Amino acid sequence: MSMTMPDQVPSRIRLAGTNKTPREIVEIFNKAANGATHINLILLTDDEAKTFMNKDNMKPPPGLPKEFDLEPIYEVATRVFRMSGSGDNLNFSAKNDNELVNPGESKWKWKTIEEYAIEVQGMPREDVYT
């Protein structure tokens, strides 16, 4: 599209998968686990979230140049983590470019969080539980 209709290509795009609140995601994984486990959602205060998301707890991706400034990333991650809570403030289902990238799921089928939860039997990170 960028070669044939460059004026129709946005400078930035947003892809959005299933838009669920953390509370809904916990419910989906608990249902898919079918009693094998039970995840509890614990909402943190702003201070607890700030401590949890402290840059010393976060590992940067490997291979970053030494001059790469991670401070903005840590700040944004902390804000997103704190504000996501159990609300709907990270729901981008109405404002995304999914159809531009994969019109009518003609290139691939998007996997829903429900499908993924069933696929992993409610246990998305096996290494955490073993």
Protein backbone atom coordinates (compact mmCIF):
# COMPACT_ATOMS: atom_id res chain seq x y z
CA MET A 1 0.00 0.00 0.00
CA SER A 2 2.85 2.39 0.78
CA MET A 3 4.17 1.87 -2.76
CA THR A 4 0.85 2.17 -4.59
CA MET A 5 -1.13 4.63 -2.40
CA PRO A 6 1.36 6.39 -0.12
CA ASP A 7 -1.04 9.27 0.62
CA GLN A 8 -3.45 6.78 2.24
CA VAL A 9 -0.88 5.33 4.63
CA PRO A 10 -1.00 6.95 8.07
CA SER A 11 2.29 8.04 9.62
CA ARG A 12 1.50 5.93 12.70
CA ILE A 13 -0.85 3.04 13.31
CA ARG A 14 -2.28 1.43 16.42
CA LEU A 15 -2.95 -2.29 16.53
CA ALA A 16 -5.28 -3.41 19.26
CA GLY A 17 -6.01 -6.97 20.22
CA THR A 18 -8.73 -8.02 22.58
CA ASN A 19 -9.57 -5.07 24.78
CA LYS A 20 -10.38 -6.39 28.21
CA THR A 21 -9.85 -4.99 31.66
CA PRO A 22 -7.42 -6.81 33.97
CA ARG A 23 -10.44 -8.02 35.96
CA GLU A 24 -12.03 -9.52 32.81
CA ILE A 25 -8.74 -11.17 31.82
CA VAL A 26 -8.43 -12.81 35.24
CA GLU A 27 -11.99 -14.14 34.91
CA ILE A 28 -11.26 -15.50 31.41
CA PHE A 29 -8.10 -17.32 32.56
CA ASN A 30 -9.77 -18.70 35.70
CA LYS A 31 -12.62 -20.07 33.58
CA ALA A 32 -10.17 -21.62 31.09
CA ALA A 33 -8.17 -23.18 33.95
CA ASN A 34 -11.31 -25.14 34.86
CA GLY A 35 -10.37 -25.30 38.54
CA ALA A 36 -6.68 -26.15 38.01
CA THR A 37 -5.75 -22.77 39.47
CA HIS A 38 -7.40 -19.58 40.61
CA ILE A 39 -5.86 -16.20 39.87
CA ASN A 40 -6.67 -13.31 42.19
CA LEU A 41 -6.43 -9.74 40.94
CA ILE A 42 -4.77 -7.51 43.50
CA LEU A 43 -5.08 -3.82 42.73
CA LEU A 44 -2.15 -1.76 43.96
CA THR A 45 -2.17 1.74 45.31
CA ASP A 46 -0.28 4.35 43.28
CA ASP A 47 2.67 4.09 45.69
CA GLU A 48 2.71 0.29 45.50
CA ALA A 49 2.55 0.41 41.70
CA LYS A 50 5.38 2.93 41.57
CA THR A 51 7.53 0.68 43.76
CA PHE A 52 6.63 -2.42 41.74
CA MET A 53 7.37 -0.74 38.42
CA ASN A 54 10.61 0.80 39.67
CA LYS A 55 13.24 0.78 36.95
CA ASP A 56 15.44 -1.46 39.11
CA ASN A 57 12.77 -4.18 38.79
CA MET A 58 12.51 -3.87 35.02
CA LYS A 59 15.07 -5.46 32.74
CA PRO A 60 15.80 -3.60 29.48
CA PRO A 61 15.56 -5.54 26.23
CA PRO A 62 18.91 -7.07 25.20
CA GLY A 63 20.95 -5.36 22.52
CA LEU A 64 19.94 -1.76 23.21
CA PRO A 65 22.60 0.83 22.44
CA LYS A 66 24.23 2.24 25.60
CA GLU A 67 22.97 5.72 24.81
CA PHE A 68 19.32 4.56 24.62
CA ASP A 69 17.35 6.48 27.26
CA LEU A 70 15.06 4.09 29.13
CA GLU A 71 13.66 6.71 31.52
CA PRO A 72 10.68 7.61 29.31
CA ILE A 73 9.87 3.93 28.88
CA TYR A 74 9.91 3.33 32.65
CA GLU A 75 7.75 6.39 33.23
CA VAL A 76 5.16 5.37 30.64
CA ALA A 77 5.14 1.73 31.82
CA THR A 78 4.56 2.88 35.40
CA ARG A 79 1.70 5.15 34.37
CA VAL A 80 0.07 2.51 32.21
CA PHE A 81 0.40 -0.10 34.96
CA ARG A 82 -1.12 2.22 37.56
CA MET A 83 -3.97 3.51 35.44
CA SER A 84 -4.99 0.20 33.90
CA GLY A 85 -6.32 -1.11 37.23
CA SER A 86 -9.72 -2.54 36.58
CA GLY A 87 -11.11 0.18 34.35
CA ASP A 88 -11.65 0.44 30.64
CA ASN A 89 -9.09 3.18 30.03
CA LEU A 90 -6.81 1.07 27.80
CA ASN A 91 -9.60 -0.01 25.47
CA PHE A 92 -8.57 0.81 21.91
CA SER A 93 -11.19 -1.35 20.20
CA ALA A 94 -12.83 1.65 18.54
CA LYS A 95 -9.64 3.54 17.63
CA ASN A 96 -7.18 1.24 15.93
CA ASP A 97 -5.87 0.36 12.48
CA ASN A 98 -6.47 -3.39 12.60
CA GLU A 99 -8.55 -3.30 9.41
CA LEU A 100 -5.82 -1.43 7.56
CA VAL A 101 -3.27 -4.10 8.44
CA ASN A 102 -5.51 -7.16 8.18
CA PRO A 103 -8.76 -6.25 6.38
CA GLY A 104 -11.58 -8.58 7.33
CA GLU A 105 -9.01 -10.99 8.80
CA SER A 106 -8.03 -11.80 5.20
CA LYS A 107 -4.32 -12.22 6.05
CA TRP A 108 -4.71 -14.14 9.32
CA LYS A 109 -7.25 -14.70 12.06
CA TRP A 110 -6.77 -12.56 15.11
CA LYS A 111 -6.55 -14.74 18.24
CA THR A 112 -8.81 -13.57 21.05
CA ILE A 113 -7.78 -13.60 24.69
CA GLU A 114 -10.48 -16.22 25.26
CA GLU A 115 -8.97 -18.47 22.58
CA TYR A 116 -5.48 -18.00 24.01
CA ALA A 117 -6.66 -18.74 27.56
CA ILE A 118 -8.27 -21.98 26.38
CA GLU A 119 -5.14 -22.87 24.37
CA VAL A 120 -2.93 -22.56 27.46
CA GLN A 121 -5.59 -24.02 29.80
CA GLY A 122 -5.66 -20.86 31.90
CA MET A 123 -1.90 -21.01 32.60
CA PRO A 124 -0.16 -18.55 30.25
CA ARG A 125 3.25 -18.65 31.88
CA GLU A 126 4.04 -22.23 32.74
CA ASP A 127 7.52 -21.27 33.95
CA VAL A 128 5.94 -19.19 36.73
CA TYR A 129 3.94 -22.11 38.09
CA THR A 130 6.54 -24.89 37.98
